[in-house]
Amino acid sequence: MTLLVVRAPLPGSVVSMADVPDPVFADALVGPGLAVDPVRLAEVGAVAPIDGTVATIHPHAFVVAAPDGRAVLVHLGLDTVQLRGAGFVVHVQRGGRVRTGDVVVTWHPGEVEAGGRSPVCPVVALEAQPGALSPRADVGSTVAAGEDLFAWR
């Protein structure tokens, strides 16, 4: 299988998945990955981390599937499903094709945090095997949207 480079969907600080304050992500129940603690700009565009098809789209989360079937979940903050879409603008449709860097959802991490929720964004290699990922960004480092986050072999 070819190497799939997964890029940061938004600017911020890289966080270990084990440090995400949600057991579903911290325990890698849906897959391994890294998280990004986003910058608190007035508005942030979350971009596609890989080229592919939008397999799932919600205001607070999306999945992009690569042509080879591997899929990456981007979850915009924790417990943000409770917001029922408030503060999020979806720019793509399920089944649509996206290229790395295309804006998928626009949101306000600072408002999410002000509302008592964590804006940390897990980026998950869905159903990846343990050891299949190689970090391309160090935990604690700062990444821009579109910079390499991890590689999936």
N, C-alpha and C. Protein backbone atom coordinates (compact mmCIF):
# COMPACT_ATOMS: atom_id res chain seq x y z
N MET A 1 0.85 -1.18 0.00
CA MET A 1 0.00 0.00 0.00
C MET A 1 0.90 1.24 0.00
N THR A 2 0.52 2.22 -0.75
CA THR A 2 1.32 3.43 -0.85
C THR A 2 1.22 4.26 0.43
N LEU A 3 2.22 5.09 0.62
CA LEU A 3 2.25 5.98 1.77
C LEU A 3 1.23 7.09 1.56
N LEU A 4 0.38 7.32 2.55
CA LEU A 4 -0.62 8.40 2.51
C LEU A 4 -0.20 9.45 3.53
N VAL A 5 0.14 10.64 3.05
CA VAL A 5 0.52 11.72 3.95
C VAL A 5 -0.74 12.49 4.33
N VAL A 6 -0.99 12.55 5.63
CA VAL A 6 -2.15 13.25 6.16
C VAL A 6 -1.67 14.61 6.67
N ARG A 7 -2.32 15.65 6.20
CA ARG A 7 -1.89 17.01 6.54
C ARG A 7 -2.80 17.64 7.58
N ALA A 8 -2.28 18.64 8.26
CA ALA A 8 -3.04 19.34 9.31
C ALA A 8 -4.25 20.03 8.68
N PRO A 9 -5.43 19.83 9.25
CA PRO A 9 -6.62 20.46 8.70
C PRO A 9 -6.79 21.91 9.13
N LEU A 10 -5.98 22.35 10.08
CA LEU A 10 -6.06 23.73 10.55
C LEU A 10 -4.80 24.10 11.28
N PRO A 11 -4.55 25.40 11.45
CA PRO A 11 -3.33 25.81 12.15
C PRO A 11 -3.47 25.65 13.66
N GLY A 12 -2.35 25.31 14.30
CA GLY A 12 -2.37 25.18 15.75
C GLY A 12 -1.20 24.37 16.26
N SER A 13 -1.33 23.90 17.49
CA SER A 13 -0.30 23.10 18.15
C SER A 13 -0.64 21.63 18.07
N VAL A 14 0.35 20.81 17.79
CA VAL A 14 0.16 19.36 17.69
C VAL A 14 0.04 18.76 19.09
N VAL A 15 -0.97 17.91 19.25
CA VAL A 15 -1.27 17.26 20.53
C VAL A 15 -1.27 15.75 20.31
N SER A 16 -0.67 15.03 21.24
CA SER A 16 -0.72 13.57 21.20
C SER A 16 -2.17 13.12 21.36
N MET A 17 -2.56 12.08 20.63
CA MET A 17 -3.93 11.57 20.77
C MET A 17 -4.19 11.11 22.20
N ALA A 18 -3.18 10.58 22.86
CA ALA A 18 -3.34 10.13 24.24
C ALA A 18 -3.68 11.29 25.19
N ASP A 19 -3.35 12.52 24.77
CA ASP A 19 -3.62 13.70 25.61
C ASP A 19 -4.94 14.39 25.26
N VAL A 20 -5.69 13.86 24.33
CA VAL A 20 -7.01 14.42 23.99
C VAL A 20 -7.96 14.08 25.13
N PRO A 21 -8.64 15.07 25.71
CA PRO A 21 -9.50 14.81 26.87
C PRO A 21 -10.84 14.17 26.52
N ASP A 22 -10.79 13.07 25.81
CA ASP A 22 -11.98 12.29 25.46
C ASP A 22 -11.51 10.85 25.26
N PRO A 23 -12.05 9.90 26.04
CA PRO A 23 -11.54 8.52 25.98
C PRO A 23 -11.70 7.84 24.63
N VAL A 24 -12.70 8.20 23.85
CA VAL A 24 -12.87 7.58 22.53
C VAL A 24 -11.65 7.87 21.66
N PHE A 25 -11.15 9.11 21.74
CA PHE A 25 -9.97 9.47 20.95
C PHE A 25 -8.68 9.09 21.66
N ALA A 26 -8.59 9.37 22.96
CA ALA A 26 -7.36 9.09 23.71
C ALA A 26 -7.00 7.61 23.70
N ASP A 27 -8.01 6.75 23.71
CA ASP A 27 -7.77 5.31 23.70
C ASP A 27 -7.74 4.73 22.29
N ALA A 28 -7.78 5.61 21.27
CA ALA A 28 -7.72 5.22 19.86
C ALA A 28 -8.78 4.19 19.50
N LEU A 29 -9.98 4.36 20.03
CA LEU A 29 -11.05 3.39 19.77
C LEU A 29 -11.50 3.40 18.31
N VAL A 30 -11.37 4.51 17.62
CA VAL A 30 -11.74 4.57 16.20
C VAL A 30 -10.51 4.58 15.30
N GLY A 31 -9.34 4.66 15.91
CA GLY A 31 -8.09 4.65 15.15
C GLY A 31 -7.07 5.59 15.75
N PRO A 32 -5.82 5.42 15.35
CA PRO A 32 -4.74 6.28 15.83
C PRO A 32 -4.70 7.60 15.06
N GLY A 33 -3.88 8.50 15.53
CA GLY A 33 -3.70 9.78 14.84
C GLY A 33 -3.00 10.78 15.72
N LEU A 34 -3.21 12.03 15.41
CA LEU A 34 -2.73 13.15 16.22
C LEU A 34 -3.88 14.14 16.31
N ALA A 35 -3.72 15.13 17.16
CA ALA A 35 -4.74 16.17 17.28
C ALA A 35 -4.07 17.52 17.11
N VAL A 36 -4.89 18.51 16.81
CA VAL A 36 -4.40 19.88 16.68
C VAL A 36 -5.23 20.76 17.60
N ASP A 37 -4.54 21.51 18.47
CA ASP A 37 -5.21 22.52 19.29
C ASP A 37 -5.18 23.79 18.46
N PRO A 38 -6.33 24.18 17.88
CA PRO A 38 -6.32 25.25 16.89
C PRO A 38 -6.05 26.64 17.46
N VAL A 39 -5.53 27.48 16.57
CA VAL A 39 -5.37 28.89 16.93
C VAL A 39 -6.77 29.45 17.16
N ARG A 40 -6.86 30.45 18.00
CA ARG A 40 -8.16 31.03 18.35
C ARG A 40 -8.43 32.28 17.52
N LEU A 41 -8.45 32.11 16.22
CA LEU A 41 -8.79 33.22 15.34
C LEU A 41 -10.29 33.44 15.40
N ALA A 42 -10.74 34.55 14.85
CA ALA A 42 -12.17 34.80 14.80
C ALA A 42 -12.88 33.68 14.03
N GLU A 43 -12.22 33.21 12.97
CA GLU A 43 -12.82 32.17 12.14
C GLU A 43 -11.70 31.33 11.56
N VAL A 44 -11.90 30.01 11.53
CA VAL A 44 -10.90 29.10 11.00
C VAL A 44 -11.56 28.19 9.97
N GLY A 45 -10.92 28.06 8.82
CA GLY A 45 -11.38 27.11 7.82
C GLY A 45 -10.67 25.79 8.02
N ALA A 46 -11.43 24.76 8.33
CA ALA A 46 -10.86 23.41 8.44
C ALA A 46 -10.79 22.83 7.04
N VAL A 47 -9.60 22.38 6.64
CA VAL A 47 -9.38 21.93 5.27
C VAL A 47 -9.24 20.41 5.20
N ALA A 48 -9.43 19.89 3.99
CA ALA A 48 -9.28 18.46 3.75
C ALA A 48 -7.83 18.06 4.01
N PRO A 49 -7.61 17.01 4.81
CA PRO A 49 -6.25 16.57 5.13
C PRO A 49 -5.63 15.67 4.05
N ILE A 50 -6.47 15.17 3.14
CA ILE A 50 -6.03 14.31 2.04
C ILE A 50 -6.92 14.58 0.83
N ASP A 51 -6.48 14.12 -0.32
CA ASP A 51 -7.33 14.12 -1.51
C ASP A 51 -8.31 12.96 -1.39
N GLY A 52 -9.55 13.16 -1.79
CA GLY A 52 -10.49 12.05 -1.77
C GLY A 52 -11.92 12.48 -1.89
N THR A 53 -12.79 11.63 -1.40
CA THR A 53 -14.23 11.83 -1.43
C THR A 53 -14.73 12.08 -0.02
N VAL A 54 -15.64 13.03 0.12
CA VAL A 54 -16.24 13.31 1.42
C VAL A 54 -17.20 12.15 1.74
N ALA A 55 -16.79 11.29 2.65
CA ALA A 55 -17.58 10.11 3.00
C ALA A 55 -18.67 10.45 4.02
N THR A 56 -18.35 11.37 4.92
CA THR A 56 -19.29 11.79 5.96
C THR A 56 -19.08 13.28 6.18
N ILE A 57 -20.17 14.01 6.35
CA ILE A 57 -20.05 15.43 6.65
C ILE A 57 -21.11 15.83 7.67
N HIS A 58 -20.65 16.42 8.74
CA HIS A 58 -21.49 17.02 9.78
C HIS A 58 -20.87 18.39 10.04
N PRO A 59 -21.61 19.30 10.64
CA PRO A 59 -20.98 20.59 10.95
C PRO A 59 -19.74 20.45 11.83
N HIS A 60 -19.74 19.49 12.76
CA HIS A 60 -18.66 19.35 13.75
C HIS A 60 -17.61 18.32 13.37
N ALA A 61 -17.79 17.58 12.28
CA ALA A 61 -16.86 16.51 11.93
C ALA A 61 -17.04 16.10 10.47
N PHE A 62 -15.93 15.60 9.89
CA PHE A 62 -16.03 15.09 8.53
C PHE A 62 -15.01 13.98 8.31
N VAL A 63 -15.30 13.14 7.32
CA VAL A 63 -14.42 12.05 6.94
C VAL A 63 -14.14 12.18 5.45
N VAL A 64 -12.85 12.12 5.10
CA VAL A 64 -12.44 12.09 3.70
C VAL A 64 -11.82 10.72 3.44
N ALA A 65 -12.33 10.05 2.40
CA ALA A 65 -11.82 8.73 2.03
C ALA A 65 -10.91 8.86 0.81
N ALA A 66 -9.73 8.30 0.91
CA ALA A 66 -8.77 8.28 -0.20
C ALA A 66 -9.25 7.27 -1.25
N PRO A 67 -8.76 7.38 -2.47
CA PRO A 67 -9.14 6.42 -3.51
C PRO A 67 -8.89 4.96 -3.14
N ASP A 68 -7.88 4.71 -2.29
CA ASP A 68 -7.57 3.32 -1.90
C ASP A 68 -8.43 2.82 -0.74
N GLY A 69 -9.37 3.64 -0.26
CA GLY A 69 -10.29 3.22 0.79
C GLY A 69 -9.92 3.67 2.19
N ARG A 70 -8.68 4.08 2.41
CA ARG A 70 -8.33 4.59 3.73
C ARG A 70 -9.06 5.90 3.97
N ALA A 71 -9.50 6.12 5.21
CA ALA A 71 -10.32 7.30 5.51
C ALA A 71 -9.79 8.02 6.75
N VAL A 72 -9.89 9.36 6.70
CA VAL A 72 -9.40 10.21 7.78
C VAL A 72 -10.57 11.02 8.34
N LEU A 73 -10.73 10.93 9.66
CA LEU A 73 -11.75 11.69 10.38
C LEU A 73 -11.12 12.95 10.96
N VAL A 74 -11.78 14.09 10.76
CA VAL A 74 -11.41 15.33 11.42
C VAL A 74 -12.60 15.72 12.29
N HIS A 75 -12.37 15.79 13.60
CA HIS A 75 -13.43 16.14 14.55
C HIS A 75 -13.13 17.53 15.10
N LEU A 76 -13.99 18.48 14.83
CA LEU A 76 -13.77 19.88 15.19
C LEU A 76 -14.22 20.15 16.63
N GLY A 77 -13.28 20.00 17.54
CA GLY A 77 -13.57 20.18 18.96
C GLY A 77 -14.20 18.94 19.56
N LEU A 78 -14.36 18.96 20.87
CA LEU A 78 -14.94 17.83 21.60
C LEU A 78 -16.32 18.20 22.12
N ASP A 79 -17.22 17.26 22.05
CA ASP A 79 -18.62 17.47 22.46
C ASP A 79 -19.32 18.54 21.64
N THR A 80 -18.78 18.85 20.46
CA THR A 80 -19.36 19.89 19.62
C THR A 80 -20.62 19.42 18.89
N VAL A 81 -20.88 18.12 18.88
CA VAL A 81 -22.14 17.63 18.32
C VAL A 81 -23.32 18.27 19.07
N GLN A 82 -23.10 18.58 20.34
CA GLN A 82 -24.16 19.18 21.16
C GLN A 82 -24.56 20.57 20.67
N LEU A 83 -23.73 21.20 19.86
CA LEU A 83 -24.03 22.54 19.35
C LEU A 83 -25.01 22.50 18.18
N ARG A 84 -25.30 21.30 17.69
CA ARG A 84 -26.26 21.11 16.59
C ARG A 84 -25.99 22.03 15.40
N GLY A 85 -24.73 22.21 15.08
CA GLY A 85 -24.35 22.98 13.91
C GLY A 85 -24.16 24.47 14.13
N ALA A 86 -24.56 24.97 15.29
CA ALA A 86 -24.42 26.41 15.56
C ALA A 86 -22.94 26.80 15.57
N GLY A 87 -22.60 27.81 14.77
CA GLY A 87 -21.23 28.30 14.70
C GLY A 87 -20.37 27.61 13.66
N PHE A 88 -20.94 26.69 12.89
CA PHE A 88 -20.21 25.96 11.86
C PHE A 88 -20.86 26.21 10.50
N VAL A 89 -20.06 26.36 9.46
CA VAL A 89 -20.57 26.50 8.10
C VAL A 89 -19.92 25.41 7.26
N VAL A 90 -20.74 24.53 6.69
CA VAL A 90 -20.27 23.43 5.86
C VAL A 90 -20.18 23.91 4.41
N HIS A 91 -19.03 23.62 3.76
CA HIS A 91 -18.79 24.10 2.40
C HIS A 91 -18.80 23.00 1.34
N VAL A 92 -18.98 21.74 1.73
CA VAL A 92 -18.96 20.62 0.79
C VAL A 92 -20.14 19.71 1.06
N GLN A 93 -20.38 18.81 0.12
CA GLN A 93 -21.45 17.84 0.28
C GLN A 93 -20.89 16.43 0.36
N ARG A 94 -21.64 15.57 1.00
CA ARG A 94 -21.26 14.15 1.04
C ARG A 94 -21.18 13.64 -0.38
N GLY A 95 -20.12 12.88 -0.66
CA GLY A 95 -19.92 12.34 -1.99
C GLY A 95 -19.10 13.24 -2.90
N GLY A 96 -18.86 14.48 -2.45
CA GLY A 96 -18.08 15.42 -3.25
C GLY A 96 -16.59 15.10 -3.19
N ARG A 97 -15.88 15.47 -4.23
CA ARG A 97 -14.43 15.28 -4.26
C ARG A 97 -13.76 16.51 -3.68
N VAL A 98 -12.71 16.28 -2.89
CA VAL A 98 -11.92 17.37 -2.34
C VAL A 98 -10.45 17.10 -2.58
N ARG A 99 -9.70 18.18 -2.63
CA ARG A 99 -8.25 18.11 -2.74
C ARG A 99 -7.69 18.57 -1.40
N THR A 100 -6.52 18.10 -1.07
CA THR A 100 -5.87 18.54 0.17
C THR A 100 -5.84 20.06 0.19
N GLY A 101 -6.31 20.63 1.28
CA GLY A 101 -6.30 22.08 1.43
C GLY A 101 -7.61 22.76 1.10
N ASP A 102 -8.56 22.04 0.48
CA ASP A 102 -9.87 22.63 0.22
C ASP A 102 -10.60 22.85 1.54
N VAL A 103 -11.23 24.01 1.69
CA VAL A 103 -11.98 24.30 2.91
C VAL A 103 -13.24 23.43 2.95
N VAL A 104 -13.41 22.72 4.06
CA VAL A 104 -14.55 21.81 4.23
C VAL A 104 -15.58 22.45 5.17
N VAL A 105 -15.12 22.97 6.31
CA VAL A 105 -16.00 23.59 7.30
C VAL A 105 -15.31 24.83 7.86
N THR A 106 -16.06 25.89 8.05
CA THR A 106 -15.56 27.08 8.73
C THR A 106 -16.20 27.12 10.11
N TRP A 107 -15.39 27.46 11.13
CA TRP A 107 -15.90 27.49 12.51
C TRP A 107 -15.08 28.45 13.34
N HIS A 108 -15.46 28.58 14.62
CA HIS A 108 -14.84 29.52 15.54
C HIS A 108 -14.35 28.78 16.79
N PRO A 109 -13.10 28.31 16.80
CA PRO A 109 -12.59 27.57 17.97
C PRO A 109 -12.69 28.36 19.27
N GLY A 110 -12.47 29.67 19.22
CA GLY A 110 -12.57 30.50 20.43
C GLY A 110 -13.97 30.51 21.02
N GLU A 111 -14.97 30.51 20.17
CA GLU A 111 -16.35 30.47 20.65
C GLU A 111 -16.68 29.12 21.25
N VAL A 112 -16.14 28.05 20.65
CA VAL A 112 -16.34 26.70 21.20
C VAL A 112 -15.74 26.65 22.61
N GLU A 113 -14.53 27.19 22.75
CA GLU A 113 -13.87 27.20 24.06
C GLU A 113 -14.63 28.08 25.05
N ALA A 114 -15.09 29.24 24.60
CA ALA A 114 -15.84 30.14 25.48
C ALA A 114 -17.14 29.50 25.96
N GLY A 115 -17.66 28.56 25.18
CA GLY A 115 -18.88 27.85 25.56
C GLY A 115 -18.63 26.66 26.47
N GLY A 116 -17.37 26.49 26.91
CA GLY A 116 -17.05 25.43 27.87
C GLY A 116 -16.66 24.10 27.25
N ARG A 117 -16.40 24.09 25.95
CA ARG A 117 -15.98 22.85 25.29
C ARG A 117 -14.53 22.98 24.82
N SER A 118 -13.89 21.84 24.65
CA SER A 118 -12.52 21.86 24.14
C SER A 118 -12.53 22.02 22.63
N PRO A 119 -11.71 22.95 22.09
CA PRO A 119 -11.62 23.09 20.64
C PRO A 119 -10.60 22.15 19.99
N VAL A 120 -9.97 21.28 20.78
CA VAL A 120 -8.96 20.35 20.26
C VAL A 120 -9.59 19.47 19.17
N CYS A 121 -8.86 19.31 18.07
CA CYS A 121 -9.36 18.59 16.89
C CYS A 121 -8.59 17.31 16.63
N PRO A 122 -9.16 16.17 16.99
CA PRO A 122 -8.52 14.90 16.63
C PRO A 122 -8.54 14.70 15.11
N VAL A 123 -7.43 14.18 14.60
CA VAL A 123 -7.31 13.80 13.19
C VAL A 123 -6.97 12.32 13.22
N VAL A 124 -7.93 11.49 12.81
CA VAL A 124 -7.86 10.05 13.05
C VAL A 124 -7.75 9.27 11.75
N ALA A 125 -6.80 8.35 11.71
CA ALA A 125 -6.69 7.39 10.62
C ALA A 125 -7.64 6.25 10.96
N LEU A 126 -8.85 6.32 10.41
CA LEU A 126 -9.90 5.37 10.80
C LEU A 126 -9.49 3.93 10.53
N GLU A 127 -9.61 3.13 11.57
CA GLU A 127 -9.36 1.69 11.52
C GLU A 127 -7.93 1.32 11.11
N ALA A 128 -7.00 2.27 11.28
CA ALA A 128 -5.60 1.95 10.98
C ALA A 128 -5.05 0.99 12.04
N GLN A 129 -4.13 0.17 11.62
CA GLN A 129 -3.50 -0.76 12.53
C GLN A 129 -2.48 -0.04 13.41
N PRO A 130 -2.29 -0.50 14.65
CA PRO A 130 -1.25 0.10 15.49
C PRO A 130 0.10 0.01 14.77
N GLY A 131 0.84 1.08 14.82
CA GLY A 131 2.14 1.13 14.18
C GLY A 131 2.11 1.51 12.71
N ALA A 132 0.92 1.75 12.15
CA ALA A 132 0.81 2.09 10.74
C ALA A 132 1.12 3.56 10.46
N LEU A 133 1.16 4.38 11.52
CA LEU A 133 1.38 5.81 11.35
C LEU A 133 2.78 6.22 11.77
N SER A 134 3.33 7.17 11.04
CA SER A 134 4.62 7.78 11.39
C SER A 134 4.39 9.27 11.52
N PRO A 135 4.65 9.84 12.71
CA PRO A 135 4.46 11.28 12.86
C PRO A 135 5.36 12.06 11.92
N ARG A 136 4.84 13.14 11.37
CA ARG A 136 5.62 14.05 10.54
C ARG A 136 5.74 15.40 11.22
N ALA A 137 4.98 15.58 12.32
CA ALA A 137 5.04 16.79 13.14
C ALA A 137 5.23 16.36 14.58
N ASP A 138 6.06 17.07 15.30
CA ASP A 138 6.32 16.74 16.70
C ASP A 138 5.21 17.26 17.60
N VAL A 139 4.86 16.46 18.61
CA VAL A 139 3.90 16.92 19.62
C VAL A 139 4.45 18.20 20.24
N GLY A 140 3.61 19.20 20.35
CA GLY A 140 4.00 20.49 20.92
C GLY A 140 4.45 21.50 19.88
N SER A 141 4.71 21.02 18.66
CA SER A 141 5.11 21.95 17.59
C SER A 141 3.88 22.66 17.03
N THR A 142 4.14 23.72 16.30
CA THR A 142 3.08 24.48 15.66
C THR A 142 3.04 24.12 14.19
N VAL A 143 1.83 23.87 13.67
CA VAL A 143 1.66 23.56 12.25
C VAL A 143 0.71 24.57 11.63
N ALA A 144 0.89 24.78 10.35
CA ALA A 144 -0.06 25.56 9.56
C ALA A 144 -1.00 24.58 8.88
N ALA A 145 -2.16 25.04 8.50
CA ALA A 145 -3.07 24.18 7.74
C ALA A 145 -2.35 23.72 6.49
N GLY A 146 -2.43 22.42 6.21
CA GLY A 146 -1.79 21.86 5.02
C GLY A 146 -0.41 21.31 5.24
N GLU A 147 0.20 21.55 6.40
CA GLU A 147 1.51 20.97 6.68
C GLU A 147 1.36 19.51 7.08
N ASP A 148 2.40 18.72 6.80
CA ASP A 148 2.36 17.29 7.13
C ASP A 148 2.13 17.08 8.61
N LEU A 149 1.20 16.16 8.92
CA LEU A 149 0.90 15.81 10.30
C LEU A 149 1.41 14.39 10.59
N PHE A 150 1.01 13.42 9.77
CA PHE A 150 1.54 12.06 9.90
C PHE A 150 1.44 11.35 8.56
N ALA A 151 2.20 10.26 8.44
CA ALA A 151 2.16 9.42 7.26
C ALA A 151 1.55 8.08 7.66
N TRP A 152 0.77 7.52 6.74
CA TRP A 152 0.04 6.27 6.99
C TRP A 152 0.50 5.27 5.93
N ARG A 153 1.13 4.19 6.41
CA ARG A 153 1.57 3.16 5.46
C ARG A 153 0.76 1.91 5.59
